[in-house]
Protein backbone atom coordinates (compact mmCIF):
# COMPACT_ATOMS: atom_id res chain seq x y z
CA MET A 1 51.37 43.36 28.89
CA SER A 2 53.79 41.34 26.82
CA PRO A 3 52.55 37.77 26.91
CA THR A 4 54.30 34.51 26.10
CA PRO A 5 53.18 30.89 26.25
CA ASP A 6 54.47 30.19 29.74
CA HIS A 7 53.36 33.37 31.55
CA ALA A 8 56.25 33.10 34.05
CA PRO A 9 57.68 36.41 35.35
CA GLU A 10 60.74 36.18 33.09
CA ALA A 11 58.39 35.59 30.15
CA PHE A 12 58.07 39.35 29.77
CA THR A 13 61.79 40.08 29.44
CA PRO A 14 63.22 41.56 26.24
CA GLU A 15 65.52 38.53 26.03
CA TRP A 16 62.64 36.05 25.84
CA LEU A 17 60.67 38.22 23.44
CA ALA A 18 63.72 38.49 21.17
CA LEU A 19 64.30 34.73 21.34
CA ARG A 20 60.77 33.95 20.17
CA GLU A 21 60.41 36.70 17.55
CA GLU A 22 61.64 34.71 14.56
CA ALA A 23 59.33 31.78 15.39
CA ASP A 24 56.46 34.24 15.83
CA SER A 25 57.18 35.86 12.48
CA HIS A 26 57.20 32.54 10.63
CA ALA A 27 54.06 31.34 12.42
CA ARG A 28 51.71 34.28 11.88
CA ALA A 29 49.19 33.55 9.16
CA THR A 30 49.38 35.71 6.04
CA ALA A 31 45.88 34.70 4.84
CA PRO A 32 44.14 37.45 6.91
CA LEU A 33 46.09 40.17 5.14
CA ASP A 34 44.10 40.23 1.89
CA PRO A 35 40.66 40.65 3.53
CA LEU A 36 42.20 43.16 5.92
CA ARG A 37 43.70 45.18 3.05
CA THR A 38 40.33 45.16 1.27
CA HIS A 39 38.59 46.39 4.40
CA LEU A 40 41.13 49.18 4.97
CA ALA A 41 40.86 50.31 1.34
CA GLU A 42 37.06 50.47 1.68
CA ARG A 43 37.58 52.79 4.65
CA GLY A 44 39.83 55.02 2.55
CA ALA A 45 42.94 54.08 4.54
CA GLY A 46 46.28 53.07 3.14
CA LEU A 47 47.72 53.36 -0.35
CA GLY A 48 46.26 56.41 -2.07
CA GLY A 49 44.29 57.40 1.00
CA ARG A 50 44.76 58.65 4.52
CA PRO A 51 47.12 56.93 6.97
CA ILE A 52 46.02 53.60 8.44
CA ARG A 53 45.44 54.09 12.16
CA ILE A 54 46.49 51.02 14.15
CA THR A 55 46.34 50.38 17.90
CA ASP A 56 48.63 47.60 19.16
CA LEU A 57 47.54 46.28 22.57
CA GLY A 58 50.16 44.71 24.84
CA CYS A 59 52.81 45.52 22.26
CA GLY A 60 55.83 44.28 24.23
CA THR A 61 58.95 45.13 22.24
CA GLY A 62 56.84 45.72 19.13
CA SER A 63 57.10 42.44 17.24
CA GLN A 64 53.57 42.74 15.83
CA GLY A 65 54.38 46.13 14.37
CA ARG A 66 57.66 44.91 12.92
CA TRP A 67 55.80 42.07 11.23
CA LEU A 68 52.64 43.86 10.10
CA ALA A 69 53.73 47.38 9.14
CA PRO A 70 55.92 46.23 6.19
CA ARG A 71 53.07 44.05 4.91
CA LEU A 72 50.56 46.89 4.57
CA ALA A 73 50.93 49.59 1.91
CA GLY A 74 50.34 53.26 2.52
CA PRO A 75 51.14 55.59 5.40
CA GLN A 76 50.49 54.27 8.91
CA ASN A 77 50.04 55.78 12.36
CA TRP A 78 50.56 53.28 15.18
CA MET A 79 49.57 53.67 18.82
CA LEU A 80 51.55 51.23 20.95
CA HIS A 81 50.05 50.22 24.32
CA ASP A 82 51.91 48.41 27.08
CA LEU A 83 52.14 48.47 30.85
CA ASP A 84 55.95 48.09 30.90
CA PRO A 85 57.75 51.37 30.12
CA HIS A 86 61.02 49.64 29.20
CA LEU A 87 59.36 47.35 26.66
CA LEU A 88 57.30 50.24 25.36
CA ASN A 89 60.42 52.31 24.70
CA LEU A 90 62.01 49.38 22.88
CA ALA A 91 58.89 49.01 20.74
CA GLY A 92 58.92 52.66 19.76
CA ALA A 93 62.62 52.63 18.98
CA HIS A 94 62.44 49.57 16.75
CA MET A 95 59.24 50.15 14.78
CA PRO A 96 59.66 50.11 10.99
CA ARG A 97 59.89 53.58 9.47
CA VAL A 98 58.35 52.72 6.11
CA SER A 99 55.46 50.53 4.94
CA ALA A 100 55.26 48.05 2.05
CA ASP A 101 55.36 50.81 -0.58
CA GLY A 102 57.84 53.07 1.20
CA SER A 103 55.23 55.32 2.83
CA THR A 104 55.95 56.73 6.27
CA VAL A 105 55.17 54.71 9.41
CA ARG A 106 54.81 56.73 12.60
CA ALA A 107 54.43 55.38 16.13
CA ARG A 108 53.37 56.83 19.47
CA MET A 109 53.66 55.07 22.81
CA CYS A 110 50.94 54.83 25.45
CA LEU A 111 51.69 53.50 28.94
CA ARG A 112 48.46 51.98 30.20
CA ASP A 113 46.64 48.91 31.47
CA LEU A 114 44.34 47.07 29.06
CA ASP A 115 41.61 47.18 31.71
CA ARG A 116 41.17 50.83 30.84
CA ILE A 117 40.66 50.55 27.06
CA THR A 118 37.44 52.30 26.06
CA THR A 119 35.57 53.19 22.90
CA ALA A 120 37.05 56.68 23.13
CA ASP A 121 40.56 55.20 22.93
CA LEU A 122 39.68 53.52 19.64
CA ALA A 123 37.53 56.27 18.14
CA ASP A 124 40.06 57.08 15.41
CA THR A 125 41.35 53.53 14.92
CA ASP A 126 41.07 51.41 11.76
CA LEU A 127 42.61 48.28 13.26
CA VAL A 128 43.04 46.95 16.79
CA THR A 129 45.75 44.32 16.96
CA GLY A 130 47.74 42.26 19.43
CA SER A 131 50.05 39.27 19.45
CA ALA A 132 50.13 36.39 21.98
CA LEU A 133 47.68 38.41 24.05
CA LEU A 134 44.18 36.89 24.21
CA ASP A 135 45.12 33.87 26.33
CA LEU A 136 46.35 36.23 29.06
CA LEU A 137 43.05 38.08 29.30
CA THR A 138 39.91 37.44 31.31
CA ARG A 139 36.42 37.25 29.86
CA ASP A 140 35.66 40.76 31.12
CA GLN A 141 38.76 42.16 29.45
CA VAL A 142 37.96 40.53 26.12
CA LEU A 143 34.34 41.70 26.34
CA ALA A 144 35.48 45.27 26.99
CA ILE A 145 37.97 45.28 24.10
CA ALA A 146 35.47 43.65 21.71
CA ARG A 147 32.72 46.12 22.58
CA ALA A 148 35.06 49.10 22.30
CA ALA A 149 36.29 47.92 18.89
CA ASP A 150 32.76 47.28 17.70
CA GLU A 151 31.48 50.66 18.82
CA ALA A 152 34.49 52.32 17.19
CA GLY A 153 33.84 50.37 13.96
CA CYS A 154 37.41 49.10 13.62
CA ALA A 155 38.79 45.77 12.45
CA VAL A 156 40.38 43.36 14.93
CA LEU A 157 43.44 41.16 14.33
CA PHE A 158 44.81 39.02 17.16
CA THR A 159 47.67 36.68 16.31
CA LEU A 160 49.39 33.76 18.04
CA THR A 161 46.78 32.79 20.61
CA VAL A 162 47.67 29.39 22.06
CA THR A 163 45.17 26.58 21.53
CA GLY A 164 46.34 24.27 24.31
CA ARG A 165 47.69 21.69 21.87
CA VAL A 166 51.39 20.87 21.68
CA ASP A 167 53.06 18.06 19.71
CA LEU A 168 56.56 17.07 20.85
CA HIS A 169 58.74 14.86 18.66
CA PRO A 170 59.64 12.34 19.93
CA ALA A 171 56.61 12.01 22.18
CA HIS A 172 56.83 10.99 25.84
CA PRO A 173 54.19 9.28 28.04
CA ALA A 174 54.18 12.31 30.36
CA ASP A 175 53.33 14.79 27.60
CA ALA A 176 49.53 14.60 27.96
CA SER A 177 49.49 15.15 31.72
CA ILE A 178 51.96 18.03 31.42
CA THR A 179 49.78 19.63 28.73
CA ASP A 180 46.70 19.33 30.94
CA ALA A 181 48.54 20.90 33.89
CA PHE A 182 49.94 23.69 31.76
CA ASN A 183 46.54 24.49 30.28
CA ASP A 184 45.01 24.62 33.75
CA HIS A 185 47.82 26.96 34.80
CA GLN A 186 46.93 29.26 31.92
CA ARG A 187 43.36 29.47 33.18
CA ARG A 188 44.37 30.61 36.66
CA ALA A 189 42.91 33.83 38.07
CA GLY A 190 40.14 33.77 35.48
CA ARG A 191 42.38 34.03 32.42
CA LEU A 192 41.02 32.50 29.25
CA GLY A 193 44.14 30.53 28.37
CA PRO A 194 43.49 28.01 25.58
CA ASP A 195 39.78 28.93 25.54
CA ALA A 196 40.57 32.47 24.40
CA THR A 197 40.07 32.19 20.65
CA ALA A 198 36.71 30.41 20.92
CA PHE A 199 35.42 32.89 23.48
CA THR A 200 36.67 35.92 21.51
CA ALA A 201 35.18 34.60 18.27
CA ARG A 202 31.78 34.00 19.91
CA THR A 203 31.85 37.45 21.47
CA LEU A 204 32.66 39.21 18.21
CA ARG A 205 30.10 37.20 16.23
CA SER A 206 27.47 38.12 18.80
CA LEU A 207 28.25 41.74 17.97
CA GLY A 208 27.61 41.09 14.29
CA ARG A 209 31.21 40.74 13.24
CA ARG A 210 32.48 38.57 10.43
CA VAL A 211 35.11 36.42 12.18
CA LEU A 212 37.79 34.41 10.39
CA THR A 213 40.36 32.18 12.11
CA TYR A 214 43.62 30.74 10.81
CA PRO A 215 46.15 28.26 12.20
CA SER A 216 49.51 29.79 13.10
CA PRO A 217 51.67 27.09 14.69
CA TRP A 218 55.23 27.40 15.83
CA ARG A 219 57.15 24.64 14.02
CA LEU A 220 60.30 24.24 16.07
CA LEU A 221 62.99 22.03 14.60
CA PRO A 222 65.95 20.59 16.50
CA GLU A 223 68.11 23.47 15.27
CA HIS A 224 65.89 25.85 17.27
CA GLY A 225 67.42 24.40 20.42
CA ASP A 226 67.76 27.66 22.38
CA LEU A 227 64.09 28.51 21.92
CA ILE A 228 62.92 24.96 22.61
CA ARG A 229 64.93 24.83 25.84
CA ALA A 230 63.62 28.18 27.10
CA TRP A 231 60.04 27.36 26.10
CA LEU A 232 60.17 23.88 27.60
CA ARG A 233 61.61 25.05 30.93
CA GLY A 234 58.83 27.61 31.26
CA ARG A 235 56.20 25.06 30.29
CA LEU A 236 57.39 22.49 32.83
CA ARG A 237 57.71 25.13 35.53
CA ALA A 238 54.12 26.28 34.96
CA ALA A 239 52.83 22.69 34.92
CA GLY A 240 54.71 22.01 38.13
CA GLU A 241 53.20 25.04 39.82
CA GLN A 242 49.76 23.75 38.91
CA ARG A 243 50.03 20.03 39.72
CA GLY A 244 53.25 19.58 41.70
CA PRO A 245 56.91 19.49 40.62
CA ILE A 246 57.75 17.71 37.38
CA PRO A 247 60.34 14.95 38.03
CA ALA A 248 63.84 16.31 37.51
CA ASP A 249 64.78 13.35 35.34
CA HIS A 250 62.07 14.29 32.84
CA LEU A 251 63.55 17.77 32.37
CA ARG A 252 67.06 16.29 32.08
CA HIS A 253 65.79 13.79 29.51
CA ARG A 254 64.23 16.53 27.37
CA MET A 255 67.26 18.85 27.76
CA ASP A 256 69.57 16.01 26.71
CA GLN A 257 67.45 15.50 23.62
CA CYS A 258 67.85 19.20 22.82
CA GLU A 259 71.62 18.97 23.23
CA ARG A 260 71.69 16.05 20.79
CA SER A 261 69.41 17.96 18.34
CA GLU A 262 66.76 15.27 18.69
CA LEU A 263 63.79 17.28 19.97
CA GLY A 264 61.26 19.21 17.90
CA ALA A 265 57.88 20.72 18.74
CA VAL A 266 54.74 22.07 17.11
CA VAL A 267 53.06 24.63 19.36
CA HIS A 268 49.60 25.31 17.98
CA HIS A 269 48.21 28.85 17.84
CA THR A 270 45.29 30.57 16.12
CA ASP A 271 45.12 33.98 14.44
CA LEU A 272 41.76 35.76 14.47
CA LEU A 273 40.50 38.49 12.14
CA ALA A 274 37.16 40.20 12.79
CA LEU A 275 35.70 42.69 10.32
CA PRO A 276 32.68 44.94 10.67
CA ASN A 277 29.79 43.90 8.47
CA GLY A 278 28.20 46.33 6.06
CA TYR A 279 31.16 46.98 3.76
CA PRO A 280 31.06 45.93 0.10
CA GLY A 281 32.31 42.39 -0.34
CA HIS A 282 31.70 41.58 3.33
CA PRO A 283 28.43 39.66 3.50
């Protein structure tokens, strides 16, 4: 699985994932990294210890690994999971080779569905991570991943989960109804959509986890026109599938604003870090 905000079929293409990667990189919160580093050091993983063992769920082309691996010191062993073999191969080919201190980063690929993740899969894992993933999952899938991570005793870091809030500049009277339709579209077939972070946080806290959340918005300026256009087309298409076609003149109006470098957007996301209790410094 290689999720994006619009969830349209083309949303899983390497082209879309490449187009959004810079915005993703700037948006991810860095605040979780210090408590995560402390936790990993307490487990004896990382700089001066054994390799950090990281499982990346729904890795897509590997953007989470490209962002996170250079921000953690020490040797790292990554297990990349995705259901798309083409994306999985791209992820493996473009993983960083060294960590923050120049230690070796190794990666293995695993072709599998997230429905089949078990405690055994995470038995040797220090960190389970994923990017733009939770809103695509159902309650049962999140419950299974949370329980497997808890039983395995590993940390959890999920980044870039959409919140359902979008601010377009300039605003338009149709924005609120389009947002409502898009959010309903995200919840189709039992997916959590914009409810994902709250549900995941409650689930992990119920398992005794210390859960921290951080804002991680995309801040798209008019100069990000290519990304805004692609994102907006997908958003309007999804809203139209949910509530009926969006008037063509609205799309033309927004596209014209992009062409004139007049349209910006803030797409709100949340990053979530969950740590096992019982380690020093983790009340």
